[in-house]
C-alpha atoms as a PDB file:
ATOM      1  CA  UNK A   1      -1.837  41.573 -36.688  1.00  0.00           C
ATOM      2  CA  UNK A   2      -3.493  40.843 -33.303  1.00  0.00           C
ATOM      3  CA  UNK A   3      -1.788  37.376 -32.874  1.00  0.00           C
ATOM      4  CA  UNK A   4       1.612  39.113 -33.549  1.00  0.00           C
ATOM      5  CA  UNK A   5       0.932  41.511 -31.403  1.00  0.00           C
ATOM      6  CA  UNK A   6      -0.416  39.426 -28.744  1.00  0.00           C
ATOM      7  CA  UNK A   7       2.705  37.084 -28.750  1.00  0.00           C
ATOM      8  CA  UNK A   8       5.409  40.291 -28.897  1.00  0.00           C
ATOM      9  CA  UNK A   9       3.580  41.564 -25.901  1.00  0.00           C
ATOM     10  CA  UNK A  10       3.551  38.288 -24.346  1.00  0.00           C
ATOM     11  CA  UNK A  11       6.162  38.860 -21.901  1.00  0.00           C
ATOM     12  CA  UNK A  12       4.735  42.254 -20.302  1.00  0.00           C
ATOM     13  CA  UNK A  13       1.180  40.527 -19.749  1.00  0.00           C
ATOM     14  CA  UNK A  14       1.020  39.719 -16.291  1.00  0.00           C
ATOM     15  CA  UNK A  15      -2.470  37.728 -16.164  1.00  0.00           C
ATOM     16  CA  UNK A  16      -4.515  36.106 -18.873  1.00  0.00           C
ATOM     17  CA  UNK A  17      -7.344  38.931 -18.211  1.00  0.00           C
ATOM     18  CA  UNK A  18      -5.066  41.558 -19.935  1.00  0.00           C
ATOM     19  CA  UNK A  19      -5.337  40.104 -23.192  1.00  0.00           C
ATOM     20  CA  UNK A  20      -7.696  42.269 -25.387  1.00  0.00           C
ATOM     21  CA  UNK A  21     -10.717  40.291 -26.140  1.00  0.00           C
ATOM     22  CA  UNK A  22     -13.123  40.946 -29.122  1.00  0.00           C
ATOM     23  CA  UNK A  23     -16.033  39.008 -29.317  1.00  0.00           C
ATOM     24  CA  UNK A  24     -15.326  35.700 -31.656  1.00  0.00           C
ATOM     25  CA  UNK A  25     -11.541  35.935 -30.916  1.00  0.00           C
ATOM     26  CA  UNK A  26     -10.036  32.487 -31.344  1.00  0.00           C
ATOM     27  CA  UNK A  27      -7.517  33.488 -28.465  1.00  0.00           C
ATOM     28  CA  UNK A  28      -9.838  33.297 -25.602  1.00  0.00           C
ATOM     29  CA  UNK A  29     -10.955  30.041 -26.648  1.00  0.00           C
ATOM     30  CA  UNK A  30      -8.087  28.500 -26.885  1.00  0.00           C
ATOM     31  CA  UNK A  31      -6.745  29.944 -23.514  1.00  0.00           C
ATOM     32  CA  UNK A  32      -9.824  28.536 -22.000  1.00  0.00           C
ATOM     33  CA  UNK A  33      -9.405  25.400 -23.130  1.00  0.00           C
ATOM     34  CA  UNK A  34      -5.617  25.165 -22.048  1.00  0.00           C
ATOM     35  CA  UNK A  35      -7.041  26.680 -18.745  1.00  0.00           C
ATOM     36  CA  UNK A  36      -9.190  23.614 -18.653  1.00  0.00           C
ATOM     37  CA  UNK A  37      -6.717  20.879 -19.579  1.00  0.00           C
ATOM     38  CA  UNK A  38      -4.277  22.235 -16.841  1.00  0.00           C
ATOM     39  CA  UNK A  39      -7.342  22.156 -14.446  1.00  0.00           C
ATOM     40  CA  UNK A  40      -7.655  18.690 -15.547  1.00  0.00           C
ATOM     41  CA  UNK A  41      -4.242  17.702 -15.194  1.00  0.00           C
ATOM     42  CA  UNK A  42      -3.994  19.108 -11.743  1.00  0.00           C
ATOM     43  CA  UNK A  43      -7.167  16.993 -10.950  1.00  0.00           C
ATOM     44  CA  UNK A  44      -5.674  13.948 -12.202  1.00  0.00           C
ATOM     45  CA  UNK A  45      -2.582  14.611 -10.313  1.00  0.00           C
ATOM     46  CA  UNK A  46      -4.511  15.006  -7.155  1.00  0.00           C
ATOM     47  CA  UNK A  47      -6.925  12.018  -7.536  1.00  0.00           C
ATOM     48  CA  UNK A  48      -3.436  10.116  -8.344  1.00  0.00           C
ATOM     49  CA  UNK A  49      -1.995  11.702  -4.830  1.00  0.00           C
ATOM     50  CA  UNK A  50      -5.064  10.805  -2.939  1.00  0.00           C
ATOM     51  CA  UNK A  51      -5.226   7.051  -4.256  1.00  0.00           C
ATOM     52  CA  UNK A  52      -1.405   6.588  -3.390  1.00  0.00           C
ATOM     53  CA  UNK A  53      -1.904   7.869  -0.175  1.00  0.00           C
ATOM     54  CA  UNK A  54      -4.669   5.755   0.604  1.00  0.00           C
ATOM     55  CA  UNK A  55      -2.936   2.456  -1.060  1.00  0.00           C
ATOM     56  CA  UNK A  56       0.109   3.323   1.181  1.00  0.00           C
ATOM     57  CA  UNK A  57      -1.896   3.678   4.093  1.00  0.00           C
ATOM     58  CA  UNK A  58      -3.705   0.679   3.399  1.00  0.00           C
ATOM     59  CA  UNK A  59      -0.414  -1.142   3.189  1.00  0.00           C
ATOM     60  CA  UNK A  60       0.583   0.172   6.479  1.00  0.00           C
ATOM     61  CA  UNK A  61      -2.348  -0.756   7.960  1.00  0.00           C
ATOM     62  CA  UNK A  62      -2.445  -4.396   6.882  1.00  0.00           C
ATOM     63  CA  UNK A  63       1.835  -4.504   7.543  1.00  0.00           C
ATOM     64  CA  UNK A  64       1.033  -3.672  11.050  1.00  0.00           C
ATOM     65  CA  UNK A  65      -2.063  -5.726  11.711  1.00  0.00           C
ATOM     66  CA  UNK A  66       0.182  -8.795  10.218  1.00  0.00           C
ATOM     67  CA  UNK A  67       2.660  -7.871  12.143  1.00  0.00           C
ATOM     68  CA  UNK A  68       0.738  -8.154  15.369  1.00  0.00           C
ATOM     69  CA  UNK A  69      -0.493 -11.424  14.259  1.00  0.00           C
ATOM     70  CA  UNK A  70       2.719 -13.149  13.149  1.00  0.00           C
ATOM     71  CA  UNK A  71       4.147 -11.810  16.465  1.00  0.00           C
ATOM     72  CA  UNK A  72       1.320 -13.375  18.530  1.00  0.00           C
ATOM     73  CA  UNK A  73       1.425 -16.851  16.778  1.00  0.00           C
ATOM     74  CA  UNK A  74       5.011 -17.200  16.738  1.00  0.00           C
ATOM     75  CA  UNK A  75       5.152 -16.676  20.707  1.00  0.00           C
ATOM     76  CA  UNK A  76       2.053 -18.867  21.136  1.00  0.00           C
ATOM     77  CA  UNK A  77       2.693 -22.368  20.732  1.00  0.00           C
ATOM     78  CA  UNK A  78       0.565 -24.974  21.929  1.00  0.00           C
ATOM     79  CA  UNK A  79       0.969 -28.714  22.362  1.00  0.00           C
ATOM     80  CA  UNK A  80      -1.359 -30.469  19.982  1.00  0.00           C
ATOM     81  CA  UNK A  81      -2.360 -33.113  22.353  1.00  0.00           C
ATOM     82  CA  UNK A  82      -2.520 -31.075  25.609  1.00  0.00           C
ATOM     83  CA  UNK A  83      -2.776 -28.035  24.455  1.00  0.00           C
ATOM     84  CA  UNK A  84      -0.407 -26.384  26.704  1.00  0.00           C
ATOM     85  CA  UNK A  85       1.805 -23.586  25.536  1.00  0.00           C
ATOM     86  CA  UNK A  86       5.259 -24.734  25.484  1.00  0.00           C
ATOM     87  CA  UNK A  87       8.530 -23.320  24.667  1.00  0.00           C
ATOM     88  CA  UNK A  88      10.358 -26.908  23.645  1.00  0.00           C
ATOM     89  CA  UNK A  89       8.300 -28.722  20.998  1.00  0.00           C
ATOM     90  CA  UNK A  90       8.905 -31.074  18.390  1.00  0.00           C
ATOM     91  CA  UNK A  91       7.883 -30.408  14.707  1.00  0.00           C
ATOM     92  CA  UNK A  92       6.721 -33.081  12.104  1.00  0.00           C
ATOM     93  CA  UNK A  93       8.630 -32.912   9.061  1.00  0.00           C
ATOM     94  CA  UNK A  94       5.908 -34.346   7.037  1.00  0.00           C
ATOM     95  CA  UNK A  95       2.497 -33.607   8.858  1.00  0.00           C
ATOM     96  CA  UNK A  96       1.174 -29.924   8.265  1.00  0.00           C
ATOM     97  CA  UNK A  97       0.800 -29.154  11.830  1.00  0.00           C
ATOM     98  CA  UNK A  98       1.624 -31.655  14.437  1.00  0.00           C
ATOM     99  CA  UNK A  99       3.687 -30.088  17.494  1.00  0.00           C
ATOM    100  CA  UNK A 100       3.791 -32.031  20.486  1.00  0.00           C
ATOM    101  CA  UNK A 101       5.423 -30.732  23.760  1.00  0.00           C
ATOM    102  CA  UNK A 102       8.461 -32.414  24.985  1.00  0.00           C
ATOM    103  CA  UNK A 103       6.290 -34.117  27.662  1.00  0.00           C
ATOM    104  CA  UNK A 104       4.199 -35.643  25.156  1.00  0.00           C
ATOM    105  CA  UNK A 105       7.048 -36.035  22.744  1.00  0.00           C
ATOM    106  CA  UNK A 106       9.000 -38.785  25.150  1.00  0.00           C
ATOM    107  CA  UNK A 107       5.974 -40.125  26.831  1.00  0.00           C
ATOM    108  CA  UNK A 108       3.200 -40.815  23.676  1.00  0.00           C
ATOM    109  CA  UNK A 109       4.087 -43.616  21.583  1.00  0.00           C
ATOM    110  CA  UNK A 110       6.701 -42.529  18.570  1.00  0.00           C
ATOM    111  CA  UNK A 111       4.789 -40.500  15.475  1.00  0.00           C
ATOM    112  CA  UNK A 112       5.553 -42.441  12.561  1.00  0.00           C
ATOM    113  CA  UNK A 113       7.385 -39.174  10.820  1.00  0.00           C
ATOM    114  CA  UNK A 114      10.625 -37.545  11.922  1.00  0.00           C
ATOM    115  CA  UNK A 115      10.617 -35.020  14.476  1.00  0.00           C
ATOM    116  CA  UNK A 116      12.692 -31.687  14.826  1.00  0.00           C
ATOM    117  CA  UNK A 117      13.237 -30.190  18.077  1.00  0.00           C
ATOM    118  CA  UNK A 118      12.662 -26.565  18.215  1.00  0.00           C
ATOM    119  CA  UNK A 119      12.648 -23.910  21.152  1.00  0.00           C
ATOM    120  CA  UNK A 120      10.925 -20.807  20.795  1.00  0.00           C
END
């Protein structure tokens, strides 16, 4: 039996090309199908790795650009009245973006909400 002979001699075969082939045999077709499946799996794995690398690269790029953005804005506080950069400012606890400098906090009319003193 050819199938039994191939399975018994499987250990001695070094490559697929060493399997005897007769026109119309079932085994070569099966082997070709399995090789094609393995190639497809390899391609899918490679595509998944490429996608992972691409996503990771995008994440790293976005993280670094956002860090620059955060770093810039955290160091650059400007008074909402005079627009001067200030190290000591007062932040309104209710308003979304109201940060007068110390000079304007002390000299201007009092703001209607509570203010927190912040030092950058």
